[in-house]
Amino acid sequence: MASIIKDGYQIPWASVPQPYEAANNKSCRDNLSICRDIVSEMESLGVIEFTSTKPYCVNPLGLVSRVVDGKTKHRLVFDGSRWVNLHVNVSCTPNWLLPDKI
């Protein structure tokens, strides 16, 4: 678990996907200013970084909104379902999720 915190989650690839690019989901396109604000905040926190070159895989983003205590909360969602998930080894479970490691 410490390596995930330190280095981020490493996707357990079953095969290498071909280059891919998809447009953002409708929820993101319909709320573009909210999504841009979230992305800007993520960049300022160092969670993401912009690059000068186009990424190998450009997956769509979506936006999930819900009301909590009368205030609307927004969550940006990475959508790997169309391409990336097809290449992930789903039988791989991180060690920290296994019962004998808890």
C-alpha atoms as a PDB file:
ATOM      1  CA  MET A   1       0.000   0.000   0.000  1.00  0.00           C
ATOM      2  CA  ALA A   2       2.895   2.361   0.732  1.00  0.00           C
ATOM      3  CA  SER A   3       4.083   2.059  -2.874  1.00  0.00           C
ATOM      4  CA  ILE A   4       0.629   3.055  -4.135  1.00  0.00           C
ATOM      5  CA  ILE A   5       0.694   6.130  -1.913  1.00  0.00           C
ATOM      6  CA  LYS A   6       4.286   6.949  -2.893  1.00  0.00           C
ATOM      7  CA  ASP A   7       4.252   6.065  -6.617  1.00  0.00           C
ATOM      8  CA  GLY A   8       0.559   5.926  -7.533  1.00  0.00           C
ATOM      9  CA  TYR A   9      -1.461   2.940  -8.635  1.00  0.00           C
ATOM     10  CA  GLN A  10       0.277   0.930 -11.340  1.00  0.00           C
ATOM     11  CA  ILE A  11      -2.173  -0.600 -13.804  1.00  0.00           C
ATOM     12  CA  PRO A  12      -1.691  -4.398 -14.115  1.00  0.00           C
ATOM     13  CA  TRP A  13      -1.597  -4.604 -17.908  1.00  0.00           C
ATOM     14  CA  ALA A  14      -2.545  -7.897 -19.575  1.00  0.00           C
ATOM     15  CA  SER A  15      -1.608  -6.402 -22.955  1.00  0.00           C
ATOM     16  CA  VAL A  16      -0.397  -3.045 -24.193  1.00  0.00           C
ATOM     17  CA  PRO A  17      -3.215  -0.957 -25.648  1.00  0.00           C
ATOM     18  CA  GLN A  18      -2.782   0.779 -28.980  1.00  0.00           C
ATOM     19  CA  PRO A  19      -2.770   4.592 -28.973  1.00  0.00           C
ATOM     20  CA  TYR A  20      -6.255   5.858 -28.271  1.00  0.00           C
ATOM     21  CA  GLU A  21      -8.118   9.130 -27.954  1.00  0.00           C
ATOM     22  CA  ALA A  22     -11.750   9.728 -27.047  1.00  0.00           C
ATOM     23  CA  ALA A  23     -13.849  12.802 -26.384  1.00  0.00           C
ATOM     24  CA  ASN A  24     -15.031  13.509 -22.855  1.00  0.00           C
ATOM     25  CA  ASN A  25     -18.386  12.144 -21.726  1.00  0.00           C
ATOM     26  CA  LYS A  26     -21.500  14.295 -22.076  1.00  0.00           C
ATOM     27  CA  SER A  27     -21.558  15.011 -18.334  1.00  0.00           C
ATOM     28  CA  CYS A  28     -18.122  16.608 -18.631  1.00  0.00           C
ATOM     29  CA  ARG A  29     -18.893  18.510 -21.846  1.00  0.00           C
ATOM     30  CA  ASP A  30     -22.134  19.885 -20.351  1.00  0.00           C
ATOM     31  CA  ASN A  31     -20.267  21.134 -17.238  1.00  0.00           C
ATOM     32  CA  LEU A  32     -16.975  22.181 -18.793  1.00  0.00           C
ATOM     33  CA  SER A  33     -16.268  25.082 -16.427  1.00  0.00           C
ATOM     34  CA  ILE A  34     -16.712  22.849 -13.362  1.00  0.00           C
ATOM     35  CA  CYS A  35     -14.447  20.186 -14.883  1.00  0.00           C
ATOM     36  CA  ARG A  36     -11.788  22.769 -15.765  1.00  0.00           C
ATOM     37  CA  ASP A  37     -11.887  24.081 -12.190  1.00  0.00           C
ATOM     38  CA  ILE A  38     -11.413  20.556 -10.817  1.00  0.00           C
ATOM     39  CA  VAL A  39      -8.533  19.849 -13.230  1.00  0.00           C
ATOM     40  CA  SER A  40      -6.913  23.175 -12.307  1.00  0.00           C
ATOM     41  CA  GLU A  41      -7.188  22.337  -8.606  1.00  0.00           C
ATOM     42  CA  MET A  42      -5.718  18.869  -9.210  1.00  0.00           C
ATOM     43  CA  GLU A  43      -2.777  20.445 -11.038  1.00  0.00           C
ATOM     44  CA  SER A  44      -2.159  22.965  -8.250  1.00  0.00           C
ATOM     45  CA  LEU A  45      -2.154  20.091  -5.725  1.00  0.00           C
ATOM     46  CA  GLY A  46       0.359  18.140  -7.828  1.00  0.00           C
ATOM     47  CA  VAL A  47      -2.096  15.299  -8.452  1.00  0.00           C
ATOM     48  CA  ILE A  48      -1.779  15.719 -12.220  1.00  0.00           C
ATOM     49  CA  GLU A  49       0.618  17.534 -14.481  1.00  0.00           C
ATOM     50  CA  PHE A  50       0.306  18.890 -17.974  1.00  0.00           C
ATOM     51  CA  THR A  51       2.720  17.729 -20.669  1.00  0.00           C
ATOM     52  CA  SER A  52       3.926  19.341 -23.870  1.00  0.00           C
ATOM     53  CA  THR A  53       3.393  16.113 -25.794  1.00  0.00           C
ATOM     54  CA  LYS A  54       0.164  14.277 -26.457  1.00  0.00           C
ATOM     55  CA  PRO A  55      -0.308  11.263 -24.143  1.00  0.00           C
ATOM     56  CA  TYR A  56      -0.292   7.754 -25.611  1.00  0.00           C
ATOM     57  CA  CYS A  57      -3.833   7.099 -24.372  1.00  0.00           C
ATOM     58  CA  VAL A  58      -6.344   9.926 -23.960  1.00  0.00           C
ATOM     59  CA  ASN A  59      -9.357   8.582 -22.102  1.00  0.00           C
ATOM     60  CA  PRO A  60     -12.606  10.452 -21.565  1.00  0.00           C
ATOM     61  CA  LEU A  61     -13.519  12.178 -18.332  1.00  0.00           C
ATOM     62  CA  GLY A  62     -16.979  12.303 -16.819  1.00  0.00           C
ATOM     63  CA  LEU A  63     -18.525  14.318 -14.019  1.00  0.00           C
ATOM     64  CA  VAL A  64     -20.657  12.893 -11.224  1.00  0.00           C
ATOM     65  CA  SER A  65     -22.655  15.380  -9.162  1.00  0.00           C
ATOM     66  CA  ARG A  66     -24.729  14.834  -6.050  1.00  0.00           C
ATOM     67  CA  VAL A  67     -26.279  16.952  -3.341  1.00  0.00           C
ATOM     68  CA  VAL A  68     -24.844  16.543   0.167  1.00  0.00           C
ATOM     69  CA  ASP A  69     -26.303  18.605   3.002  1.00  0.00           C
ATOM     70  CA  GLY A  70     -27.905  20.975   0.501  1.00  0.00           C
ATOM     71  CA  LYS A  71     -24.651  21.589  -1.388  1.00  0.00           C
ATOM     72  CA  THR A  72     -23.821  20.098  -4.779  1.00  0.00           C
ATOM     73  CA  LYS A  73     -20.585  18.090  -4.751  1.00  0.00           C
ATOM     74  CA  HIS A  74     -18.778  17.210  -7.986  1.00  0.00           C
ATOM     75  CA  ARG A  75     -16.380  14.369  -8.719  1.00  0.00           C
ATOM     76  CA  LEU A  76     -14.316  14.042 -11.885  1.00  0.00           C
ATOM     77  CA  VAL A  77     -14.254  10.451 -13.150  1.00  0.00           C
ATOM     78  CA  PHE A  78     -11.664   8.750 -15.388  1.00  0.00           C
ATOM     79  CA  ASP A  79     -13.484   6.538 -17.909  1.00  0.00           C
ATOM     80  CA  GLY A  80     -11.308   3.612 -18.928  1.00  0.00           C
ATOM     81  CA  SER A  81     -14.254   1.443 -19.919  1.00  0.00           C
ATOM     82  CA  ARG A  82     -14.045   1.912 -23.688  1.00  0.00           C
ATOM     83  CA  TRP A  83     -10.435   0.948 -24.268  1.00  0.00           C
ATOM     84  CA  VAL A  84      -8.071   0.749 -21.291  1.00  0.00           C
ATOM     85  CA  ASN A  85     -10.141  -1.746 -19.282  1.00  0.00           C
ATOM     86  CA  LEU A  86      -9.976  -4.178 -22.205  1.00  0.00           C
ATOM     87  CA  HIS A  87      -6.218  -4.477 -21.612  1.00  0.00           C
ATOM     88  CA  VAL A  88      -6.150  -4.731 -17.804  1.00  0.00           C
ATOM     89  CA  ASN A  89      -5.435  -8.024 -16.067  1.00  0.00           C
ATOM     90  CA  VAL A  90      -8.581  -8.151 -13.920  1.00  0.00           C
ATOM     91  CA  SER A  91      -7.384 -11.233 -12.045  1.00  0.00           C
ATOM     92  CA  CYS A  92      -4.617  -9.152 -10.437  1.00  0.00           C
ATOM     93  CA  THR A  93      -5.588  -8.014  -6.972  1.00  0.00           C
ATOM     94  CA  PRO A  94      -3.320  -5.666  -5.042  1.00  0.00           C
ATOM     95  CA  ASN A  95      -1.659  -7.483  -2.110  1.00  0.00           C
ATOM     96  CA  TRP A  96      -3.199  -5.115   0.414  1.00  0.00           C
ATOM     97  CA  LEU A  97      -6.680  -6.301  -0.614  1.00  0.00           C
ATOM     98  CA  LEU A  98      -5.954  -9.954   0.061  1.00  0.00           C
ATOM     99  CA  PRO A  99      -7.445 -11.288   3.344  1.00  0.00           C
ATOM    100  CA  ASP A 100      -4.123 -12.652   4.666  1.00  0.00           C
ATOM    101  CA  LYS A 101      -2.552  -9.172   4.312  1.00  0.00           C
ATOM    102  CA  ILE A 102      -5.195  -7.352   6.365  1.00  0.00           C
END
